Amino acid sequence: MSFAKELIEKGDYEEAVDAATKAIADGDAGPEPLFDRASALELLERYEEAVKDLEAAVTKNRAEKTLDPFVLDDVFFSTLLAAAREKNDAKMLERYRELYPEGTHLAESRDWQKRIRGEMPSLLDKTKDIDAV
């Protein structure tokens, strides 16, 4: 287990970002430190930065095959969705289809684009009825 991953498990997300960045600077060119840093960035709600690292991790992992590609697919989609929702930018979700033309979240990415544009209701937004209970 990487030092960054240990820090993430302890909840030390900023320190995990620093540890993963140091691993990259020290020559770890694999996808793992990028994934670790992206995980910490996502937990810090720094979604756009996390998406960039995940894109790089996916590309490197296609050559090295050290990370589970299904996990990468899921994490990339959920982080990209968080970034798109935060920015209210449905177009961002096209990046999923570009990186994963046969990904497991193709239909979801299109549905979420519609939700972000207001063309389809979101079934996940329960905040409107929160006081009704």
Protein backbone atom coordinates (compact mmCIF):
# COMPACT_ATOMS: atom_id res chain seq x y z
CA MET A 1 0.00 0.00 0.00
CA SER A 2 1.33 3.42 -0.90
CA PHE A 3 2.00 6.09 1.71
CA ALA A 4 -0.61 8.32 0.03
CA LYS A 5 -3.20 5.55 0.30
CA GLU A 6 -2.43 5.13 4.01
CA LEU A 7 -2.93 8.86 4.51
CA ILE A 8 -6.25 8.72 2.66
CA GLU A 9 -7.43 5.94 4.96
CA LYS A 10 -6.52 8.12 7.95
CA GLY A 11 -8.46 11.05 6.50
CA ASP A 12 -5.33 13.12 5.88
CA TYR A 13 -6.29 14.15 2.36
CA GLU A 14 -4.04 17.20 1.91
CA GLU A 15 -1.07 15.16 3.11
CA ALA A 16 -2.07 12.37 0.71
CA VAL A 17 -2.05 14.84 -2.19
CA ASP A 18 1.44 15.95 -1.15
CA ALA A 19 2.68 12.35 -0.78
CA ALA A 20 1.35 11.31 -4.20
CA THR A 21 2.79 14.45 -5.80
CA LYS A 22 6.17 13.64 -4.23
CA ALA A 23 5.99 10.05 -5.52
CA ILE A 24 5.35 11.38 -9.02
CA ALA A 25 8.19 13.91 -8.72
CA ASP A 26 10.51 11.18 -7.44
CA GLY A 27 9.97 9.19 -10.62
CA ASP A 28 7.00 6.90 -9.99
CA ALA A 29 5.61 7.09 -13.51
CA GLY A 30 2.88 4.50 -13.07
CA PRO A 31 -0.84 5.12 -12.74
CA GLU A 32 -1.01 4.44 -8.98
CA PRO A 33 0.24 7.78 -7.62
CA LEU A 34 -2.03 9.62 -10.05
CA PHE A 35 -4.97 7.52 -8.87
CA ASP A 36 -4.04 8.09 -5.23
CA ARG A 37 -3.74 11.84 -5.73
CA ALA A 38 -7.03 11.91 -7.65
CA SER A 39 -8.72 9.99 -4.83
CA ALA A 40 -7.52 12.51 -2.25
CA LEU A 41 -8.45 15.46 -4.47
CA GLU A 42 -11.93 14.02 -4.96
CA LEU A 43 -12.36 13.68 -1.19
CA LEU A 44 -11.29 17.33 -0.88
CA GLU A 45 -13.99 18.15 -3.48
CA ARG A 46 -11.35 19.42 -5.92
CA TYR A 47 -13.08 17.56 -8.71
CA GLU A 48 -11.54 19.17 -11.79
CA GLU A 49 -8.01 18.48 -10.57
CA ALA A 50 -9.01 14.91 -9.72
CA VAL A 51 -10.46 14.40 -13.20
CA LYS A 52 -7.17 15.45 -14.82
CA ASP A 53 -5.21 12.98 -12.72
CA LEU A 54 -7.72 10.22 -13.42
CA GLU A 55 -7.51 10.83 -17.17
CA ALA A 56 -3.74 10.47 -16.96
CA ALA A 57 -4.05 7.36 -14.76
CA VAL A 58 -6.46 5.73 -17.23
CA THR A 59 -4.09 6.40 -20.13
CA LYS A 60 -1.07 5.06 -18.24
CA ASN A 61 -3.01 2.06 -16.97
CA ARG A 62 -3.92 1.03 -20.50
CA ALA A 63 -0.20 0.49 -21.12
CA GLU A 64 0.80 -0.89 -17.70
CA LYS A 65 -2.42 -2.61 -16.57
CA THR A 66 -1.70 -2.31 -12.86
CA LEU A 67 -5.05 -0.92 -11.69
CA ASP A 68 -8.46 -2.55 -12.07
CA PRO A 69 -9.93 -0.98 -15.24
CA PHE A 70 -13.50 -1.34 -13.93
CA VAL A 71 -12.61 0.59 -10.77
CA LEU A 72 -10.97 3.30 -12.88
CA ASP A 73 -14.07 3.49 -15.09
CA ASP A 74 -16.37 3.92 -12.08
CA VAL A 75 -14.16 6.40 -10.24
CA PHE A 76 -13.57 8.46 -13.36
CA PHE A 77 -17.29 8.65 -14.14
CA SER A 78 -18.35 9.56 -10.61
CA THR A 79 -15.63 12.21 -10.25
CA LEU A 80 -16.36 13.68 -13.67
CA LEU A 81 -20.07 13.77 -12.81
CA ALA A 82 -19.30 15.62 -9.57
CA ALA A 83 -17.23 18.17 -11.51
CA ALA A 84 -19.94 18.59 -14.14
CA ARG A 85 -22.64 19.09 -11.51
CA GLU A 86 -20.49 21.54 -9.54
CA LYS A 87 -19.82 23.62 -12.67
CA ASN A 88 -23.33 23.05 -14.06
CA ASP A 89 -21.55 22.01 -17.27
CA ALA A 90 -23.24 19.10 -19.04
CA LYS A 91 -20.66 19.20 -21.83
CA MET A 92 -17.96 17.98 -19.41
CA LEU A 93 -19.55 14.53 -19.47
CA GLU A 94 -18.51 14.12 -23.10
CA ARG A 95 -15.01 13.50 -21.73
CA TYR A 96 -16.26 10.20 -20.33
CA ARG A 97 -17.37 8.99 -23.76
CA GLU A 98 -14.10 10.18 -25.31
CA LEU A 99 -11.97 8.27 -22.79
CA TYR A 100 -14.32 5.28 -22.52
CA PRO A 101 -16.11 4.85 -25.87
CA GLU A 102 -17.28 1.43 -24.65
CA GLY A 103 -17.51 2.31 -20.96
CA THR A 104 -20.06 1.02 -18.51
CA HIS A 105 -21.59 4.47 -17.91
CA LEU A 106 -22.37 5.59 -21.46
CA ALA A 107 -26.15 5.74 -21.00
CA GLU A 108 -25.77 7.36 -17.57
CA SER A 109 -23.48 10.03 -18.98
CA ARG A 110 -26.14 10.99 -21.54
CA ASP A 111 -28.92 10.96 -18.92
CA TRP A 112 -26.87 13.13 -16.58
CA GLN A 113 -26.24 15.60 -19.37
CA LYS A 114 -30.01 15.93 -19.72
CA ARG A 115 -30.43 16.31 -15.94
CA ILE A 116 -27.78 19.03 -15.74
CA ARG A 117 -29.42 20.89 -18.64
CA GLY A 118 -32.81 20.58 -16.91
CA GLU A 119 -34.26 18.32 -19.60
CA MET A 120 -34.75 15.35 -17.26
CA PRO A 121 -35.61 15.27 -13.56
CA SER A 122 -33.00 13.99 -11.13
CA LEU A 123 -34.21 11.18 -8.95
CA LEU A 124 -31.28 11.72 -6.57
CA ASP A 125 -32.21 15.22 -5.38
CA LYS A 126 -34.22 14.62 -2.23
CA THR A 127 -33.44 17.98 -0.63
CA LYS A 128 -36.79 19.51 -1.60
CA ASP A 129 -38.73 17.10 0.64
CA ILE A 130 -36.22 16.95 3.48
CA ASP A 131 -38.45 18.87 5.93
CA ALA A 132 -41.58 16.96 4.97
CA VAL A 133 -40.56 13.88 6.96
